[in-house]
C-alpha cells in the first residue's frame, strides 16, 4: 500500500500530497502526517484516496465523537480539532480570494463559531426500507454512496432529535407504505419540532393511527409531503406553536415553514447577523437593499436599526413570509419579488446607499455587473461558496471601483467542509 506525507488540506477537507508529479487527495489525512492510503480514483494528474493507516499523527487529530464517522457522509472533519477546522476554512477563503479574484482583504475578521455538537436544527435525512438489514434505515447518505447510513444517533443533531432516529426507523418499518417513504425533513424551532415525511403513497387508516401515535409519544408535529415542496401539509397534531427563531439583539422573531430555507445553525446565525449589521452600519434615512433576502433574516434587523430597507427575493412564497414577519414584528420594511439572476431586472433595482447581498452558491455576478455610477458606498456580502465570492470580489475590485475592506469565515456547519464567509466592500 502506498504512503505519502500530507502538505495541506483542500477545500473539501482532504489531505493533499504530491507523489511523482501527481496530486493525491486523501480523505482522513491531516497536514504534517505520514499515511498509508488506498486510491479509489486514478487519473493522469491526480488521485482520490482514503487514509488506511496513520504512520505519524498530527497534533490536530482528535478522536471522532460519532461512531458512524467515516461511513456517514454527513460529516467530513470530525477527526480534526475545531480550532484547526476554522483555520483551514479561513485559508480556503483567503486562497480563493487571491487565486480566483486576485484580491486580498485589508482586514481578516475574527472567525465566527459556536458549539460543535448538537447545532444542526435543519436536516434532510434519507429513509429506506431494507429487509436484509432488519427493517428501515433513517439517516444521512453514506460517503460517496446512495446507500443510507445504518445509524441510530447523530452527534450534530440536537439531542432530542438524535433520539428520534431509532423510533423513526421502527415507525417506518411497520407502515404498509414503508417502501414509499424516501426522505424525512427535520426542522427545529424554539417552540416546536417538525418532521416532514416525503410519502409517495397515501397512508391507510392503520398507518395514520401509527403516525399520530408517534407524534403524540415524541412531542413532534408530523407533516406529509406527497409531491414537491409546496405539497407539504401538517398532518398531526395541527394545533401546535409555529416554527420560529429569535434574534434577541434586534428584538426580532423570524417565523418559517419546515420547508423554507433557514440556516442550519441558529446560534451561529445570530452571531452572523450581528456581525453583518455591524459592518453595514445602517442609519435612519439611509436607503438599503437586502438582496436574496429570504424570510427577512437581515432585512428585519436592518429595519430595527432604522434603515429604510427593501428586501428583494426571487421566490414569491418567501417574500410573502417575509412580509408577514415584518408585520408580526411591527417593522417597516418593503419586499419585492425580482429575479436577481436576470440582468435587466438587476439594472432596474432602485438606487441605494448601502447593500447587503446573501446569494446562493451561484453568487451574484449579474447583480454586481449592473452596478453603475450611483452604486452604493458599502456592500456587505454573505457567501456560502468561497469560489463565487472570490469571482464577484474580483469584479468589484477590478471593474466597479471597490476595495475589499474586510473578510472572514463563519463556521456555520462544523465538521463539514462547508465554508460560509462574510466580506465588506467599500467604494474607493
Protein backbone atom coordinates (compact mmCIF):
# COMPACT_ATOMS: atom_id res chain seq x y z
CA UNK A 1 0.00 0.00 0.00
CA UNK A 2 1.49 3.43 -0.94
CA UNK A 3 2.25 6.09 1.63
CA UNK A 4 2.52 9.89 1.49
CA UNK A 5 3.42 12.96 3.55
CA UNK A 6 0.50 15.36 3.80
CA UNK A 7 1.17 19.00 2.94
CA UNK A 8 -2.18 20.77 3.40
CA UNK A 9 -5.97 20.44 3.46
CA UNK A 10 -8.04 21.15 0.36
CA UNK A 11 -11.44 22.88 0.33
CA UNK A 12 -13.18 19.50 0.84
CA UNK A 13 -11.20 18.72 4.00
CA UNK A 14 -8.94 16.15 2.31
CA UNK A 15 -5.22 15.91 2.92
CA UNK A 16 -3.12 16.92 -0.09
CA UNK A 17 0.14 15.21 -1.03
CA UNK A 18 2.26 15.04 -4.19
CA UNK A 19 3.82 11.84 -5.42
CA UNK A 20 5.77 11.54 -8.69
CA UNK A 21 4.28 14.77 -10.02
CA UNK A 22 0.72 13.76 -9.22
CA UNK A 23 -1.57 15.39 -6.65
CA UNK A 24 -3.10 12.91 -4.17
CA UNK A 25 -6.26 13.96 -2.28
CA UNK A 26 -6.60 11.71 0.75
CA UNK A 27 -9.73 11.56 2.92
CA UNK A 28 -8.99 11.30 6.63
CA UNK A 29 -5.43 12.66 6.40
CA UNK A 30 -4.12 15.88 8.01
CA UNK A 31 -1.20 18.22 7.28
CA UNK A 32 2.09 17.00 8.77
CA UNK A 33 1.01 13.36 8.82
CA UNK A 34 2.51 10.37 7.08
CA UNK A 35 -0.20 7.96 5.98
CA UNK A 36 -0.75 4.80 4.05
CA UNK A 37 -3.55 5.33 1.58
CA UNK A 38 -5.77 3.41 -0.82
CA UNK A 39 -6.74 5.15 -4.09
CA UNK A 40 -10.32 4.84 -5.32
CA UNK A 41 -9.99 7.16 -8.35
CA UNK A 42 -6.88 7.29 -10.52
CA UNK A 43 -6.39 9.98 -13.17
CA UNK A 44 -3.27 11.05 -15.10
CA UNK A 45 -2.73 14.19 -12.97
CA UNK A 46 -4.35 13.30 -9.64
CA UNK A 47 -5.74 10.54 -7.44
CA UNK A 48 -8.52 10.41 -4.87
CA UNK A 49 -7.80 8.15 -1.92
CA UNK A 50 -8.68 7.16 1.62
CA UNK A 51 -6.22 7.01 4.50
CA UNK A 52 -5.86 3.42 5.67
CA UNK A 53 -3.20 3.80 8.38
CA UNK A 54 -1.72 6.83 10.12
CA UNK A 55 2.03 6.37 10.39
CA UNK A 56 2.71 9.73 12.05
CA UNK A 57 -0.26 11.61 13.53
CA UNK A 58 -0.84 15.37 13.59
CA UNK A 59 -1.35 17.17 16.90
CA UNK A 60 -4.60 18.46 15.35
CA UNK A 61 -6.03 14.94 15.08
CA UNK A 62 -8.82 14.18 17.53
CA UNK A 63 -10.94 11.06 18.06
CA UNK A 64 -14.25 11.32 16.14
CA UNK A 65 -17.17 11.57 18.53
CA UNK A 66 -19.66 9.80 16.27
CA UNK A 67 -19.40 6.00 15.81
CA UNK A 68 -20.66 6.41 12.23
CA UNK A 69 -17.92 8.82 11.16
CA UNK A 70 -16.07 7.56 8.13
CA UNK A 71 -19.15 5.79 6.79
CA UNK A 72 -21.78 8.53 7.11
CA UNK A 73 -21.47 11.34 4.58
CA UNK A 74 -22.93 13.97 6.92
CA UNK A 75 -19.53 14.96 8.37
CA UNK A 76 -16.07 15.06 6.81
CA UNK A 77 -13.86 16.58 9.53
CA UNK A 78 -14.69 15.06 12.92
CA UNK A 79 -11.08 13.83 13.08
CA UNK A 80 -9.87 17.46 13.05
CA UNK A 81 -9.97 19.58 16.21
CA UNK A 82 -12.43 22.52 15.94
CA UNK A 83 -9.73 25.23 16.02
CA UNK A 84 -7.91 23.63 13.09
CA UNK A 85 -11.19 23.25 11.19
CA UNK A 86 -11.78 27.00 11.42
CA UNK A 87 -8.19 27.81 10.43
CA UNK A 88 -8.45 25.53 7.40
CA UNK A 89 -11.66 27.24 6.29
CA UNK A 90 -10.06 30.65 6.70
CA UNK A 91 -7.20 29.51 4.46
CA UNK A 92 -9.68 28.21 1.85
CA UNK A 93 -11.33 31.65 1.81
CA UNK A 94 -8.06 33.58 1.53
CA UNK A 95 -6.70 31.27 -1.16
CA UNK A 96 -9.89 31.62 -3.22
CA UNK A 97 -9.88 35.41 -2.93
CA UNK A 98 -6.31 35.60 -4.18
CA UNK A 99 -6.15 32.82 -6.77
CA UNK A 100 -9.60 33.45 -8.29
CA UNK A 101 -10.35 37.11 -7.59
CA UNK A 102 -6.78 38.44 -7.34
CA UNK A 103 -7.76 40.38 -4.20
CA UNK A 104 -6.71 40.29 -0.56
CA UNK A 105 -8.76 41.58 2.34
CA UNK A 106 -7.29 44.59 4.13
CA UNK A 107 -8.54 43.12 7.42
CA UNK A 108 -9.12 39.46 8.31
CA UNK A 109 -12.15 39.31 10.57
CA UNK A 110 -12.09 37.04 13.61
CA UNK A 111 -13.84 33.77 12.74
CA UNK A 112 -17.40 33.29 13.98
CA UNK A 113 -18.08 29.90 15.51
CA UNK A 114 -20.23 28.22 18.15
CA UNK A 115 -20.82 24.85 19.78
CA UNK A 116 -19.51 21.99 17.61
CA UNK A 117 -22.17 19.43 18.62
CA UNK A 118 -25.97 19.38 18.61
CA UNK A 119 -26.10 22.51 16.49
CA UNK A 120 -27.96 21.29 13.41
CA UNK A 121 -31.59 22.45 13.58
CA UNK A 122 -32.25 21.70 9.90
CA UNK A 123 -31.52 18.37 8.22
CA UNK A 124 -32.68 16.26 5.30
CA UNK A 125 -32.46 12.60 6.23
CA UNK A 126 -32.88 9.78 3.76
CA UNK A 127 -35.12 6.82 4.53
CA UNK A 128 -35.13 3.36 3.02
CA UNK A 129 -36.70 0.04 3.91
CA UNK A 130 -34.06 -2.69 3.61
CA UNK A 131 -35.41 -6.06 4.74
CA UNK A 132 -32.00 -7.75 4.84
CA UNK A 133 -30.75 -5.06 7.25
CA UNK A 134 -33.60 -5.74 9.61
CA UNK A 135 -36.05 -3.02 8.62
CA UNK A 136 -35.98 0.70 7.87
CA UNK A 137 -32.92 2.96 7.79
CA UNK A 138 -33.12 6.69 8.55
CA UNK A 139 -30.05 8.91 8.32
CA UNK A 140 -27.61 10.73 6.08
CA UNK A 141 -26.31 9.03 2.94
CA UNK A 142 -23.10 7.06 3.19
CA UNK A 143 -19.98 8.80 1.95
CA UNK A 144 -19.65 8.57 -1.85
CA UNK A 145 -22.77 6.37 -1.99
CA UNK A 146 -26.53 6.44 -2.43
CA UNK A 147 -26.93 3.98 0.47
CA UNK A 148 -28.44 5.23 3.73
CA UNK A 149 -26.15 5.02 6.75
CA UNK A 150 -27.19 2.39 9.28
CA UNK A 151 -27.33 4.84 12.20
CA UNK A 152 -29.28 5.18 15.43
CA UNK A 153 -27.95 8.52 16.61
CA UNK A 154 -26.32 11.68 15.26
CA UNK A 155 -23.96 13.92 17.21
CA UNK A 156 -24.61 17.09 15.20
CA UNK A 157 -28.39 16.97 15.59
CA UNK A 158 -29.95 18.29 18.81
CA UNK A 159 -30.02 15.51 21.40
CA UNK A 160 -33.81 15.13 21.38
CA UNK A 161 -33.84 14.92 17.57
CA UNK A 162 -30.99 12.41 17.53
CA UNK A 163 -33.03 10.30 19.94
CA UNK A 164 -35.83 10.14 17.35
CA UNK A 165 -33.77 8.23 14.75
CA UNK A 166 -34.29 4.76 16.25
CA UNK A 167 -38.05 5.30 16.90
CA UNK A 168 -38.42 6.68 13.36
CA UNK A 169 -36.82 3.53 11.96
CA UNK A 170 -39.25 1.41 13.94
CA UNK A 171 -42.22 3.54 12.86
CA UNK A 172 -41.41 3.39 9.14
CA UNK A 173 -40.71 -0.35 9.31
CA UNK A 174 -44.23 -1.10 10.50
CA UNK A 175 -46.07 1.11 7.99
CA UNK A 176 -47.67 -0.51 4.96
CA UNK A 177 -46.22 2.35 2.84
CA UNK A 178 -42.73 1.85 4.28
CA UNK A 179 -41.17 1.39 0.84
CA UNK A 180 -42.69 4.67 -0.34
CA UNK A 181 -41.04 6.99 2.20
CA UNK A 182 -37.66 8.15 0.82
CA UNK A 183 -36.98 11.20 2.99
CA UNK A 184 -37.57 12.85 6.36
CA UNK A 185 -37.01 16.60 6.65
CA UNK A 186 -36.19 17.89 10.15
CA UNK A 187 -37.00 21.47 11.19
CA UNK A 188 -36.43 22.61 14.78
CA UNK A 189 -37.77 25.90 16.08
CA UNK A 190 -37.64 27.41 19.54
CA UNK A 191 -41.09 26.10 20.46
CA UNK A 192 -41.68 23.15 18.13
CA UNK A 193 -40.03 20.36 16.15
CA UNK A 194 -41.48 19.32 12.79
CA UNK A 195 -40.73 16.18 10.80
CA UNK A 196 -41.81 16.24 7.14
CA UNK A 197 -42.23 12.75 5.68
CA UNK A 198 -41.88 12.58 1.90
CA UNK A 199 -44.58 9.98 1.28
CA UNK A 200 -45.26 8.74 -2.24
CA UNK A 201 -48.43 6.78 -1.47
CA UNK A 202 -51.37 7.82 0.73
CA UNK A 203 -51.22 6.12 4.13
CA UNK A 204 -54.10 3.85 5.13
CA UNK A 205 -56.09 4.09 8.35
CA UNK A 206 -53.70 1.87 10.30
CA UNK A 207 -50.71 3.87 9.06
CA UNK A 208 -52.37 7.15 10.01
CA UNK A 209 -53.02 5.82 13.51
CA UNK A 210 -49.36 4.80 13.85
CA UNK A 211 -48.21 8.25 12.66
CA UNK A 212 -50.49 10.03 15.13
CA UNK A 213 -49.26 7.78 17.93
CA UNK A 214 -45.61 8.55 17.10
CA UNK A 215 -46.22 12.32 17.03
CA UNK A 216 -48.02 12.22 20.37
CA UNK A 217 -45.45 9.97 22.05
CA UNK A 218 -42.47 12.08 20.97
CA UNK A 219 -43.88 15.59 21.12
CA UNK A 220 -43.32 16.45 17.46
CA UNK A 221 -45.54 17.60 14.64
CA UNK A 222 -45.66 15.41 11.53
CA UNK A 223 -46.18 16.84 8.06
CA UNK A 224 -46.75 14.76 4.93
CA UNK A 225 -45.31 15.72 1.53
CA UNK A 226 -46.83 13.68 -1.32
CA UNK A 227 -45.19 15.61 -4.19
CA UNK A 228 -42.98 18.72 -4.47
CA UNK A 229 -42.13 21.01 -1.55
CA UNK A 230 -45.31 23.07 -1.99
CA UNK A 231 -47.40 19.94 -1.34
CA UNK A 232 -46.21 19.59 2.29
CA UNK A 233 -49.08 19.90 4.77
CA UNK A 234 -49.42 19.42 8.54
CA UNK A 235 -50.80 16.01 9.47
CA UNK A 236 -50.77 15.67 13.27
CA UNK A 237 -51.16 17.48 15.57
CA UNK A 238 -52.48 20.52 13.72
CA UNK A 239 -52.69 22.95 16.65
CA UNK A 240 -49.04 23.48 17.67
CA UNK A 241 -46.83 26.56 18.13
CA UNK A 242 -45.35 27.86 14.85
CA UNK A 243 -41.71 27.38 13.94
CA UNK A 244 -39.57 30.43 14.67
CA UNK A 245 -36.13 31.55 15.76
CA UNK A 246 -35.21 34.75 17.57
CA UNK A 247 -32.63 37.46 17.03
CA UNK A 248 -32.87 38.96 20.54
CA UNK A 249 -30.23 41.62 19.96
CA UNK A 250 -32.63 43.20 17.48
CA UNK A 251 -35.89 42.26 19.19
CA UNK A 252 -36.87 40.19 16.15
CA UNK A 253 -38.61 36.83 15.80
CA UNK A 254 -38.46 35.10 12.39
CA UNK A 255 -41.28 32.65 11.59
CA UNK A 256 -40.65 29.95 9.00
CA UNK A 257 -42.18 26.85 7.47
CA UNK A 258 -40.49 23.44 7.72
CA UNK A 259 -39.56 23.50 4.02
CA UNK A 260 -38.40 27.15 3.96
CA UNK A 261 -34.68 27.86 3.76
CA UNK A 262 -33.13 28.86 7.08
CA UNK A 263 -29.59 28.49 8.35
CA UNK A 264 -28.96 25.09 9.95
CA UNK A 265 -27.24 26.66 12.97
CA UNK A 266 -29.44 29.33 14.63
CA UNK A 267 -26.90 30.25 17.33
CA UNK A 268 -24.17 30.99 14.79
CA UNK A 269 -26.71 32.69 12.53
CA UNK A 270 -27.44 35.18 15.33
CA UNK A 271 -23.70 35.97 15.53
CA UNK A 272 -23.52 36.30 11.75
CA UNK A 273 -26.44 38.75 11.71
CA UNK A 274 -24.79 40.82 14.46
CA UNK A 275 -21.50 40.97 12.51
CA UNK A 276 -23.18 41.72 9.17
CA UNK A 277 -25.34 44.52 10.56
CA UNK A 278 -22.34 45.96 12.37
CA UNK A 279 -20.36 46.09 9.12
CA UNK A 280 -23.30 47.52 7.20
CA UNK A 281 -23.83 50.17 9.90
CA UNK A 282 -27.36 51.24 8.86
CA UNK A 283 -28.63 54.66 9.91
CA UNK A 284 -32.09 56.26 9.79
CA UNK A 285 -32.65 57.94 6.45
CA UNK A 286 -30.36 55.60 4.51
CA UNK A 287 -31.91 53.51 1.76
CA UNK A 288 -30.62 49.93 1.98
CA UNK A 289 -31.23 46.98 -0.31
CA UNK A 290 -31.17 43.46 1.15
CA UNK A 291 -30.79 41.21 -1.88
CA UNK A 292 -31.66 37.49 -1.81
CA UNK A 293 -33.44 38.43 1.42
CA UNK A 294 -35.34 35.17 2.02
CA UNK A 295 -37.52 35.35 5.12
CA UNK A 296 -36.00 38.66 6.23
CA UNK A 297 -33.08 37.29 8.27
CA UNK A 298 -31.11 40.51 7.65
CA UNK A 299 -33.92 42.78 6.43
CA UNK A 300 -35.75 42.93 9.74
CA UNK A 301 -32.64 43.68 11.85
CA UNK A 302 -31.78 46.48 9.38
CA UNK A 303 -35.30 47.86 9.82
CA UNK A 304 -34.95 47.57 13.59
CA UNK A 305 -31.86 49.80 13.34
CA UNK A 306 -33.90 52.43 11.50
CA UNK A 307 -32.77 51.84 7.93
CA UNK A 308 -35.17 52.37 5.02
CA UNK A 309 -34.84 48.83 3.78
CA UNK A 310 -36.13 46.98 0.73
CA UNK A 311 -35.83 43.19 0.71
CA UNK A 312 -35.57 41.59 -2.73
CA UNK A 313 -36.06 37.88 -3.38
CA UNK A 314 -36.91 35.72 -6.38
CA UNK A 315 -39.29 33.32 -4.63
CA UNK A 316 -42.77 34.74 -4.14
CA UNK A 317 -43.56 32.41 -1.23
CA UNK A 318 -40.52 33.61 0.71
CA UNK A 319 -41.44 37.24 0.04
CA UNK A 320 -44.93 36.67 1.42
CA UNK A 321 -43.45 35.07 4.52
CA UNK A 322 -41.01 37.99 4.90
CA UNK A 323 -43.87 40.49 4.70
CA UNK A 324 -45.71 38.55 7.39
CA UNK A 325 -42.58 38.54 9.56
CA UNK A 326 -42.23 42.31 9.21
CA UNK A 327 -45.86 42.80 10.23
CA UNK A 328 -45.56 40.37 13.16
CA UNK A 329 -42.54 42.31 14.44
CA UNK A 330 -44.11 45.72 13.86
CA UNK A 331 -41.32 46.79 11.50
CA UNK A 332 -41.46 48.95 8.39
CA UNK A 333 -39.79 47.06 5.55
CA UNK A 334 -40.67 46.69 1.89
CA UNK A 335 -40.35 43.42 0.00
CA UNK A 336 -40.43 42.82 -3.74
CA UNK A 337 -40.17 39.77 -5.98
CA UNK A 338 -37.34 40.09 -8.53
CA UNK A 339 -35.20 37.59 -10.41
CA UNK A 340 -31.72 38.63 -9.32
CA UNK A 341 -30.10 36.45 -11.99
CA UNK A 342 -31.79 38.49 -14.74
CA UNK A 343 -29.51 41.36 -15.88
CA UNK A 344 -32.41 43.60 -16.92
CA UNK A 345 -34.20 43.07 -13.59
CA UNK A 346 -30.99 43.86 -11.71
CA UNK A 347 -30.49 47.04 -13.73
CA UNK A 348 -33.99 48.19 -12.73
CA UNK A 349 -33.35 47.95 -8.96
CA UNK A 350 -33.74 51.25 -7.09
CA UNK A 351 -30.73 53.30 -6.08
CA UNK A 352 -29.47 52.67 -2.56
CA UNK A 353 -26.88 54.00 -0.12
CA UNK A 354 -25.80 50.57 1.11
CA UNK A 355 -26.41 46.99 0.09
CA UNK A 356 -26.41 43.56 1.72
CA UNK A 357 -26.12 40.55 -0.58
CA UNK A 358 -26.71 36.94 0.55
CA UNK A 359 -26.85 34.86 -2.65
CA UNK A 360 -26.98 31.10 -3.16
CA UNK A 361 -23.90 29.19 -4.29
CA UNK A 362 -24.11 30.71 -7.77
CA UNK A 363 -23.11 34.10 -6.37
CA UNK A 364 -24.34 37.49 -7.55
CA UNK A 365 -22.37 38.28 -10.68
CA UNK A 366 -25.27 39.64 -12.78
CA UNK A 367 -26.39 41.82 -9.92
CA UNK A 368 -22.91 43.26 -9.40
CA UNK A 369 -22.36 43.80 -13.13
CA UNK A 370 -25.46 46.03 -13.10
CA UNK A 371 -23.97 48.50 -10.61
CA UNK A 372 -23.43 51.91 -12.16
CA UNK A 373 -22.19 55.36 -11.19
CA UNK A 374 -24.77 55.59 -8.40
CA UNK A 375 -23.67 52.28 -6.83
CA UNK A 376 -23.81 52.01 -3.04
CA UNK A 377 -20.88 53.18 -0.96
CA UNK A 378 -20.81 49.96 1.05
CA UNK A 379 -21.66 46.33 0.25
CA UNK A 380 -21.79 43.54 2.81
CA UNK A 381 -21.61 40.18 1.05
CA UNK A 382 -22.61 36.94 2.85
CA UNK A 383 -21.40 33.90 0.93
CA UNK A 384 -21.84 30.14 1.08
CA UNK A 385 -19.19 29.47 -1.61
CA UNK A 386 -15.69 30.99 -1.47
CA UNK A 387 -15.15 30.49 -5.20
CA UNK A 388 -18.12 32.57 -6.31
CA UNK A 389 -17.42 35.17 -3.63
CA UNK A 390 -13.85 35.43 -4.96
CA UNK A 391 -15.06 35.78 -8.54
CA UNK A 392 -17.50 38.53 -7.51
CA UNK A 393 -14.85 40.22 -5.34
CA UNK A 394 -12.56 40.37 -8.35
CA UNK A 395 -15.30 42.06 -10.38
CA UNK A 396 -16.00 44.61 -7.64
CA UNK A 397 -12.31 45.40 -7.18
CA UNK A 398 -11.11 45.48 -10.79
CA UNK A 399 -14.16 46.87 -12.58
CA UNK A 400 -16.51 48.56 -10.13
CA UNK A 401 -14.05 50.56 -8.02
CA UNK A 402 -14.44 48.84 -4.64
CA UNK A 403 -11.82 47.76 -2.13
CA UNK A 404 -12.15 44.59 -0.09
CA UNK A 405 -12.04 46.18 3.35
CA UNK A 406 -12.56 43.02 5.41
CA UNK A 407 -13.40 39.32 5.14
CA UNK A 408 -13.69 36.32 7.43
CA UNK A 409 -15.29 32.92 7.86
CA UNK A 410 -18.34 31.72 9.76
CA UNK A 411 -18.18 28.10 10.88
CA UNK A 412 -21.89 27.58 10.30
CA UNK A 413 -21.61 23.81 9.79
CA UNK A 414 -18.84 22.33 11.98
CA UNK A 415 -17.21 19.02 10.98
CA UNK A 416 -18.05 19.63 7.32
CA UNK A 417 -16.01 21.31 4.61
CA UNK A 418 -18.74 23.93 4.05
CA UNK A 419 -17.30 27.45 4.21
CA UNK A 420 -19.65 30.34 4.98
CA UNK A 421 -17.99 33.72 4.80
CA UNK A 422 -18.59 37.45 5.10
CA UNK A 423 -16.95 40.30 3.19
CA UNK A 424 -17.14 44.10 3.35
CA UNK A 425 -16.60 46.16 0.20
CA UNK A 426 -16.28 49.97 0.18
CA UNK A 427 -16.09 52.31 -2.78
CA UNK A 428 -12.72 53.94 -3.27
